[in-house]
C-alpha cells in the first residue's frame, strides 16, 4: 500500500474507490484514512481479470 499526506480538510469524502474496466482486465484503486496517523491516507491499487470466466469464478 502507498501512503499519502492530506494537508487540508476540504470536506472531501473520507473513503473512495474507483474501478477502470477494460476488455480483459480491470484496475481497482481504493483510498482510506490511515488507521493511526491523522491526515494521512492509505492507497491500494490492484488489477483483476474481467473476462467472463474470471468474473464467474
Protein backbone atom coordinates (compact mmCIF):
# COMPACT_ATOMS: atom_id res chain seq x y z
CA UNK A 1 0.00 0.00 0.00
CA UNK A 2 1.07 3.55 -0.69
CA UNK A 3 0.68 6.26 1.93
CA UNK A 4 -0.15 9.88 1.07
CA UNK A 5 -0.46 13.06 3.14
CA UNK A 6 -3.57 15.23 3.17
CA UNK A 7 -2.62 18.78 4.21
CA UNK A 8 -6.12 20.24 4.13
CA UNK A 9 -9.51 19.01 5.17
CA UNK A 10 -11.59 20.30 2.28
CA UNK A 11 -14.72 18.34 3.18
CA UNK A 12 -13.90 15.57 0.72
CA UNK A 13 -15.23 12.06 1.20
CA UNK A 14 -13.02 10.04 3.57
CA UNK A 15 -13.26 6.70 1.72
CA UNK A 16 -13.17 6.43 -2.06
CA UNK A 17 -12.81 3.69 -4.65
CA UNK A 18 -12.51 3.71 -8.42
CA UNK A 19 -12.72 0.93 -10.99
CA UNK A 20 -11.45 1.08 -14.58
CA UNK A 21 -12.69 -1.89 -16.60
CA UNK A 22 -11.08 -2.84 -19.90
CA UNK A 23 -11.69 -5.79 -22.21
CA UNK A 24 -9.55 -8.37 -20.39
CA UNK A 25 -8.79 -6.75 -17.03
CA UNK A 26 -9.79 -4.08 -14.59
CA UNK A 27 -7.85 -1.83 -12.24
CA UNK A 28 -9.20 -1.02 -8.79
CA UNK A 29 -7.98 1.86 -6.61
CA UNK A 30 -9.01 2.33 -3.01
CA UNK A 31 -8.09 5.25 -0.68
CA UNK A 32 -8.83 5.07 3.03
CA UNK A 33 -7.85 7.14 6.07
CA UNK A 34 -4.69 5.87 7.80
CA UNK A 35 -5.54 3.82 10.90
CA UNK A 36 -3.13 5.62 13.26
CA UNK A 37 -1.89 8.84 11.62
CA UNK A 38 -4.36 11.73 11.35
CA UNK A 39 -4.34 13.47 7.96
CA UNK A 40 -2.81 10.51 6.12
CA UNK A 41 -4.44 8.17 3.65
CA UNK A 42 -3.57 4.67 2.52
CA UNK A 43 -3.94 3.90 -1.18
CA UNK A 44 -4.02 0.45 -2.73
CA UNK A 45 -4.18 -0.31 -6.46
CA UNK A 46 -4.61 -3.79 -7.92
CA UNK A 47 -5.50 -5.45 -11.21
CA UNK A 48 -8.28 -8.01 -11.63
CA UNK A 49 -9.31 -10.12 -14.59
CA UNK A 50 -12.58 -9.01 -16.24
CA UNK A 51 -13.22 -11.86 -18.63
CA UNK A 52 -16.49 -13.75 -18.24
CA UNK A 53 -14.76 -16.85 -16.86
CA UNK A 54 -12.77 -14.84 -14.30
CA UNK A 55 -15.87 -12.96 -13.12
CA UNK A 56 -17.82 -16.23 -12.76
CA UNK A 57 -15.05 -17.70 -10.57
